[in-house]
């Protein structure tokens, strides 16, 4: 514990615990102020646990929101055509556009022939 830097909060908890153990050994009352601090420490730890749980929930929601946002973006990209797409997707789109253009050129050629 010498090399590990403890936070002031942890040091305060350790000191308070030491005082309480001494009071119990000597059969003396712990004291109102010390009891108050002990209750505040418990409240703070509960708040900290709740905040970490809330952070976990927020992270999960953020992941889900990110996925939904990504799917929204992909829908928007589909509507825009080949603009702002990944390279491999763009190539597929380009090939598709070229095939359609080729088809229509052939169709126009057939229309003028007949």
N, C-alpha and C. Protein backbone atom coordinates (compact mmCIF):
# COMPACT_ATOMS: atom_id res chain seq x y z
N UNK A 1 0.82 -1.20 0.00
CA UNK A 1 0.00 0.00 0.00
C UNK A 1 0.87 1.26 0.00
N UNK A 2 2.18 1.12 0.21
CA UNK A 2 3.05 2.28 0.23
C UNK A 2 3.23 2.87 -1.16
N UNK A 3 3.32 1.99 -2.17
CA UNK A 3 3.57 2.47 -3.52
C UNK A 3 2.29 2.92 -4.22
N UNK A 4 1.17 2.43 -3.75
CA UNK A 4 -0.11 2.76 -4.36
C UNK A 4 -0.61 4.09 -3.80
N UNK A 5 -0.88 5.03 -4.67
CA UNK A 5 -1.39 6.33 -4.24
C UNK A 5 -2.90 6.20 -4.00
N UNK A 6 -3.31 6.46 -2.78
CA UNK A 6 -4.73 6.40 -2.47
C UNK A 6 -5.33 7.78 -2.58
N UNK A 7 -6.60 7.80 -2.94
CA UNK A 7 -7.28 9.08 -3.05
C UNK A 7 -7.55 9.61 -1.64
N UNK A 8 -7.73 10.90 -1.48
CA UNK A 8 -8.05 11.46 -0.16
C UNK A 8 -9.30 10.83 0.43
N UNK A 9 -10.24 10.50 -0.44
CA UNK A 9 -11.48 9.86 0.01
C UNK A 9 -11.18 8.52 0.68
N UNK A 10 -10.34 7.71 0.04
CA UNK A 10 -9.98 6.40 0.59
C UNK A 10 -9.20 6.56 1.90
N UNK A 11 -8.31 7.55 1.94
CA UNK A 11 -7.54 7.79 3.17
C UNK A 11 -8.48 8.19 4.31
N UNK A 12 -9.44 9.05 4.02
CA UNK A 12 -10.40 9.49 5.04
C UNK A 12 -11.21 8.31 5.55
N UNK A 13 -11.64 7.43 4.63
CA UNK A 13 -12.40 6.25 5.05
C UNK A 13 -11.56 5.35 5.96
N UNK A 14 -10.27 5.18 5.62
CA UNK A 14 -9.38 4.34 6.43
C UNK A 14 -9.18 4.94 7.82
N UNK A 15 -8.98 6.25 7.89
CA UNK A 15 -8.80 6.92 9.19
C UNK A 15 -10.05 6.78 10.03
N UNK A 16 -11.21 7.00 9.41
CA UNK A 16 -12.48 6.89 10.13
C UNK A 16 -12.69 5.47 10.65
N UNK A 17 -12.33 4.49 9.83
CA UNK A 17 -12.45 3.09 10.24
C UNK A 17 -11.54 2.81 11.44
N UNK A 18 -10.32 3.36 11.41
CA UNK A 18 -9.38 3.19 12.54
C UNK A 18 -9.94 3.78 13.82
N UNK A 19 -10.50 4.99 13.74
CA UNK A 19 -11.11 5.61 14.93
C UNK A 19 -12.25 4.76 15.47
N UNK A 20 -13.05 4.22 14.57
CA UNK A 20 -14.19 3.41 15.01
C UNK A 20 -13.70 2.14 15.72
N UNK A 21 -12.67 1.49 15.16
CA UNK A 21 -12.13 0.29 15.79
C UNK A 21 -11.58 0.60 17.18
N UNK A 22 -10.88 1.73 17.31
CA UNK A 22 -10.35 2.13 18.63
C UNK A 22 -11.48 2.37 19.62
N UNK A 23 -12.55 3.02 19.17
CA UNK A 23 -13.69 3.30 20.06
C UNK A 23 -14.35 2.01 20.51
N UNK A 24 -14.47 1.04 19.60
CA UNK A 24 -15.08 -0.24 19.94
C UNK A 24 -14.21 -1.00 20.94
N UNK A 25 -12.87 -0.97 20.72
CA UNK A 25 -11.95 -1.66 21.63
C UNK A 25 -12.02 -1.08 23.04
N UNK A 26 -12.16 0.23 23.14
CA UNK A 26 -12.18 0.89 24.46
C UNK A 26 -13.58 1.02 25.03
N UNK A 27 -14.58 0.44 24.34
CA UNK A 27 -15.98 0.53 24.76
C UNK A 27 -16.43 1.98 24.94
N UNK A 28 -15.99 2.84 24.06
CA UNK A 28 -16.39 4.25 24.10
C UNK A 28 -17.37 4.51 22.96
N UNK A 29 -18.23 5.52 23.13
CA UNK A 29 -19.13 5.85 22.02
C UNK A 29 -18.33 6.38 20.84
N UNK A 30 -18.80 6.10 19.67
CA UNK A 30 -18.09 6.48 18.45
C UNK A 30 -18.15 7.98 18.22
N UNK A 31 -19.23 8.60 18.61
CA UNK A 31 -19.35 10.06 18.47
C UNK A 31 -20.26 10.43 17.32
N UNK A 32 -21.04 11.48 17.54
CA UNK A 32 -22.02 11.92 16.55
C UNK A 32 -21.36 12.34 15.23
N UNK A 33 -20.29 13.10 15.32
CA UNK A 33 -19.63 13.61 14.12
C UNK A 33 -19.10 12.45 13.27
N UNK A 34 -18.50 11.46 13.94
CA UNK A 34 -17.96 10.32 13.19
C UNK A 34 -19.08 9.50 12.55
N UNK A 35 -20.21 9.34 13.30
CA UNK A 35 -21.35 8.62 12.74
C UNK A 35 -21.90 9.37 11.52
N UNK A 36 -21.94 10.70 11.63
CA UNK A 36 -22.41 11.52 10.52
C UNK A 36 -21.53 11.30 9.29
N UNK A 37 -20.22 11.34 9.49
CA UNK A 37 -19.29 11.13 8.37
C UNK A 37 -19.46 9.73 7.77
N UNK A 38 -19.67 8.75 8.65
CA UNK A 38 -19.85 7.38 8.18
C UNK A 38 -21.10 7.27 7.29
N UNK A 39 -22.19 7.92 7.73
CA UNK A 39 -23.42 7.91 6.94
C UNK A 39 -23.21 8.63 5.59
N UNK A 40 -22.49 9.74 5.62
CA UNK A 40 -22.22 10.48 4.39
C UNK A 40 -21.37 9.65 3.41
N UNK A 41 -20.43 8.91 3.96
CA UNK A 41 -19.60 8.04 3.12
C UNK A 41 -20.48 6.99 2.44
N UNK A 42 -21.39 6.37 3.23
CA UNK A 42 -22.28 5.37 2.65
C UNK A 42 -23.16 5.98 1.55
N UNK A 43 -23.70 7.18 1.83
CA UNK A 43 -24.53 7.85 0.82
C UNK A 43 -23.73 8.13 -0.45
N UNK A 44 -22.51 8.62 -0.26
CA UNK A 44 -21.66 8.94 -1.41
C UNK A 44 -21.35 7.69 -2.24
N UNK A 45 -21.07 6.58 -1.55
CA UNK A 45 -20.78 5.34 -2.27
C UNK A 45 -22.00 4.85 -3.04
N UNK A 46 -23.20 4.99 -2.43
CA UNK A 46 -24.42 4.60 -3.13
C UNK A 46 -24.62 5.47 -4.37
N UNK A 47 -24.40 6.79 -4.21
CA UNK A 47 -24.53 7.70 -5.35
C UNK A 47 -23.55 7.32 -6.45
N UNK A 48 -22.34 6.97 -6.04
CA UNK A 48 -21.31 6.61 -7.01
C UNK A 48 -21.69 5.33 -7.76
N UNK A 49 -22.23 4.35 -7.02
CA UNK A 49 -22.66 3.10 -7.66
C UNK A 49 -23.78 3.37 -8.65
N UNK A 50 -24.75 4.21 -8.21
CA UNK A 50 -25.87 4.53 -9.09
C UNK A 50 -25.39 5.26 -10.34
N UNK A 51 -24.42 6.16 -10.16
CA UNK A 51 -23.92 6.91 -11.32
C UNK A 51 -23.16 5.99 -12.27
N UNK A 52 -22.40 5.01 -11.73
CA UNK A 52 -21.69 4.08 -12.62
C UNK A 52 -22.69 3.19 -13.36
N UNK A 53 -23.77 2.76 -12.64
CA UNK A 53 -24.80 1.97 -13.31
C UNK A 53 -25.46 2.80 -14.41
N UNK A 54 -25.74 4.07 -14.09
CA UNK A 54 -26.36 4.95 -15.08
C UNK A 54 -25.43 5.16 -16.28
N UNK A 55 -24.12 5.27 -16.01
CA UNK A 55 -23.16 5.42 -17.10
C UNK A 55 -23.18 4.20 -18.00
N UNK A 56 -23.27 2.99 -17.38
CA UNK A 56 -23.33 1.77 -18.18
C UNK A 56 -24.57 1.76 -19.07
N UNK A 57 -25.72 2.15 -18.47
CA UNK A 57 -26.96 2.21 -19.24
C UNK A 57 -26.83 3.23 -20.36
N UNK A 58 -26.24 4.39 -20.04
CA UNK A 58 -26.06 5.43 -21.05
C UNK A 58 -25.16 4.94 -22.19
N UNK A 59 -24.11 4.18 -21.84
CA UNK A 59 -23.22 3.65 -22.87
C UNK A 59 -23.97 2.69 -23.79
N UNK A 60 -24.80 1.81 -23.17
CA UNK A 60 -25.57 0.87 -23.98
C UNK A 60 -26.53 1.61 -24.90
N UNK A 61 -27.20 2.64 -24.35
CA UNK A 61 -28.12 3.43 -25.17
C UNK A 61 -27.37 4.14 -26.28
N UNK A 62 -26.18 4.63 -25.96
CA UNK A 62 -25.38 5.34 -26.97
C UNK A 62 -25.00 4.39 -28.10
N UNK A 63 -24.66 3.15 -27.74
CA UNK A 63 -24.31 2.16 -28.77
C UNK A 63 -25.52 1.91 -29.67
N UNK A 64 -26.70 1.73 -29.03
CA UNK A 64 -27.91 1.50 -29.83
C UNK A 64 -28.23 2.71 -30.70
N UNK A 65 -28.11 3.91 -30.12
CA UNK A 65 -28.39 5.13 -30.88
C UNK A 65 -27.42 5.26 -32.05
N UNK A 66 -26.16 4.90 -31.82
CA UNK A 66 -25.17 4.97 -32.89
C UNK A 66 -25.56 4.03 -34.02
N UNK A 67 -25.99 2.82 -33.66
CA UNK A 67 -26.40 1.86 -34.68
C UNK A 67 -27.60 2.39 -35.47
N UNK A 68 -28.57 2.99 -34.74
CA UNK A 68 -29.74 3.53 -35.41
C UNK A 68 -29.34 4.70 -36.31
N UNK A 69 -28.44 5.54 -35.82
CA UNK A 69 -27.98 6.67 -36.62
C UNK A 69 -27.28 6.19 -37.87
N UNK A 70 -26.45 5.15 -37.72
CA UNK A 70 -25.75 4.60 -38.88
C UNK A 70 -26.74 4.05 -39.90
N UNK A 71 -27.79 3.37 -39.41
CA UNK A 71 -28.77 2.83 -40.36
C UNK A 71 -29.52 3.97 -41.03
N UNK A 72 -29.81 5.07 -40.31
CA UNK A 72 -30.44 6.24 -40.92
C UNK A 72 -29.54 6.82 -42.00
N UNK A 73 -28.25 6.92 -41.69
CA UNK A 73 -27.31 7.47 -42.67
C UNK A 73 -27.24 6.60 -43.91
N UNK A 74 -27.25 5.28 -43.72
CA UNK A 74 -27.18 4.40 -44.89
C UNK A 74 -28.45 4.56 -45.73
N UNK A 75 -29.59 4.77 -45.07
CA UNK A 75 -30.82 5.01 -45.82
C UNK A 75 -30.71 6.30 -46.62
N UNK A 76 -30.18 7.35 -46.00
CA UNK A 76 -30.00 8.62 -46.69
C UNK A 76 -29.05 8.46 -47.88
N UNK A 77 -27.99 7.68 -47.67
CA UNK A 77 -27.01 7.48 -48.74
C UNK A 77 -27.64 6.73 -49.90
N UNK A 78 -28.52 5.79 -49.60
CA UNK A 78 -29.17 5.04 -50.67
C UNK A 78 -30.02 5.97 -51.52
N UNK A 79 -30.68 6.92 -50.87
CA UNK A 79 -31.52 7.86 -51.60
C UNK A 79 -30.69 8.80 -52.47
N UNK A 80 -29.48 9.11 -52.03
CA UNK A 80 -28.66 10.07 -52.77
C UNK A 80 -27.97 9.45 -53.97
N UNK A 81 -28.01 8.17 -54.12
CA UNK A 81 -27.32 7.52 -55.22
C UNK A 81 -25.90 7.16 -54.82
N UNK A 82 -24.94 7.43 -55.68
CA UNK A 82 -23.57 6.99 -55.44
C UNK A 82 -22.76 7.99 -54.63
N UNK A 83 -23.36 9.11 -54.26
CA UNK A 83 -22.62 10.14 -53.53
C UNK A 83 -22.38 9.70 -52.08
N UNK A 84 -21.19 9.96 -51.56
CA UNK A 84 -20.83 9.72 -50.15
C UNK A 84 -20.93 8.26 -49.73
N UNK A 85 -20.61 7.36 -50.59
CA UNK A 85 -20.64 5.94 -50.22
C UNK A 85 -19.23 5.40 -50.10
N UNK A 86 -19.13 4.23 -49.45
CA UNK A 86 -17.83 3.57 -49.40
C UNK A 86 -17.40 3.20 -50.81
N UNK A 87 -16.11 3.02 -50.99
CA UNK A 87 -15.57 2.79 -52.33
C UNK A 87 -16.15 1.53 -52.97
N UNK A 88 -16.20 0.41 -52.21
CA UNK A 88 -16.69 -0.84 -52.79
C UNK A 88 -18.17 -0.74 -53.15
N UNK A 89 -18.94 -0.06 -52.32
CA UNK A 89 -20.36 0.11 -52.61
C UNK A 89 -20.52 1.01 -53.83
N UNK A 90 -19.67 2.03 -53.90
CA UNK A 90 -19.73 2.96 -55.02
C UNK A 90 -19.47 2.24 -56.34
N UNK A 91 -18.49 1.32 -56.33
CA UNK A 91 -18.18 0.57 -57.54
C UNK A 91 -19.39 -0.26 -57.99
N UNK A 92 -20.05 -0.91 -57.02
CA UNK A 92 -21.24 -1.70 -57.35
C UNK A 92 -22.32 -0.81 -57.94
N UNK A 93 -22.53 0.35 -57.32
CA UNK A 93 -23.53 1.30 -57.82
C UNK A 93 -23.17 1.74 -59.24
N UNK A 94 -21.89 2.05 -59.44
CA UNK A 94 -21.43 2.53 -60.74
C UNK A 94 -21.69 1.46 -61.81
N UNK A 95 -21.36 0.20 -61.47
CA UNK A 95 -21.59 -0.90 -62.40
C UNK A 95 -23.08 -1.00 -62.74
N UNK A 96 -23.90 -0.85 -61.72
CA UNK A 96 -25.34 -0.92 -61.91
C UNK A 96 -25.81 0.20 -62.84
N UNK A 97 -25.33 1.42 -62.59
CA UNK A 97 -25.69 2.56 -63.43
C UNK A 97 -25.25 2.33 -64.88
N UNK A 98 -24.03 1.81 -65.03
CA UNK A 98 -23.51 1.57 -66.38
C UNK A 98 -24.34 0.53 -67.12
N UNK A 99 -24.74 -0.54 -66.42
CA UNK A 99 -25.56 -1.58 -67.04
C UNK A 99 -26.91 -1.01 -67.47
N UNK A 100 -27.50 -0.18 -66.62
CA UNK A 100 -28.79 0.42 -66.96
C UNK A 100 -28.64 1.33 -68.18
N UNK A 101 -27.56 2.14 -68.18
CA UNK A 101 -27.33 3.05 -69.31
C UNK A 101 -27.14 2.26 -70.60
N UNK A 102 -26.38 1.17 -70.49
CA UNK A 102 -26.14 0.31 -71.65
C UNK A 102 -27.45 -0.26 -72.17
N UNK A 103 -28.30 -0.72 -71.25
CA UNK A 103 -29.60 -1.30 -71.61
C UNK A 103 -30.44 -0.27 -72.35
N UNK A 104 -30.49 0.94 -71.83
CA UNK A 104 -31.33 1.97 -72.45
C UNK A 104 -30.77 2.40 -73.81
N UNK A 105 -29.45 2.42 -73.94
CA UNK A 105 -28.86 2.74 -75.24
C UNK A 105 -29.24 1.69 -76.27
N UNK A 106 -29.19 0.41 -75.85
CA UNK A 106 -29.58 -0.69 -76.74
C UNK A 106 -31.05 -0.57 -77.09
N UNK A 107 -31.87 -0.24 -76.07
CA UNK A 107 -33.31 -0.11 -76.30
C UNK A 107 -33.59 1.02 -77.29
N UNK A 108 -32.87 2.13 -77.16
CA UNK A 108 -33.04 3.25 -78.09
C UNK A 108 -32.62 2.82 -79.50
N UNK A 109 -31.54 2.07 -79.56
CA UNK A 109 -31.06 1.58 -80.86
C UNK A 109 -32.09 0.69 -81.52
N UNK A 110 -32.74 -0.17 -80.75
CA UNK A 110 -33.78 -1.06 -81.28
C UNK A 110 -34.98 -0.24 -81.76
N UNK A 111 -35.28 0.81 -81.01
CA UNK A 111 -36.44 1.63 -81.37
C UNK A 111 -36.21 2.34 -82.70
N UNK A 112 -34.98 2.81 -82.95
CA UNK A 112 -34.69 3.51 -84.21
C UNK A 112 -34.58 2.55 -85.38
N UNK A 113 -34.16 1.29 -85.10
CA UNK A 113 -34.03 0.30 -86.17
C UNK A 113 -35.40 -0.11 -86.69
N UNK A 114 -36.34 -0.31 -85.76
CA UNK A 114 -37.64 -0.87 -86.12
C UNK A 114 -38.58 0.10 -86.62
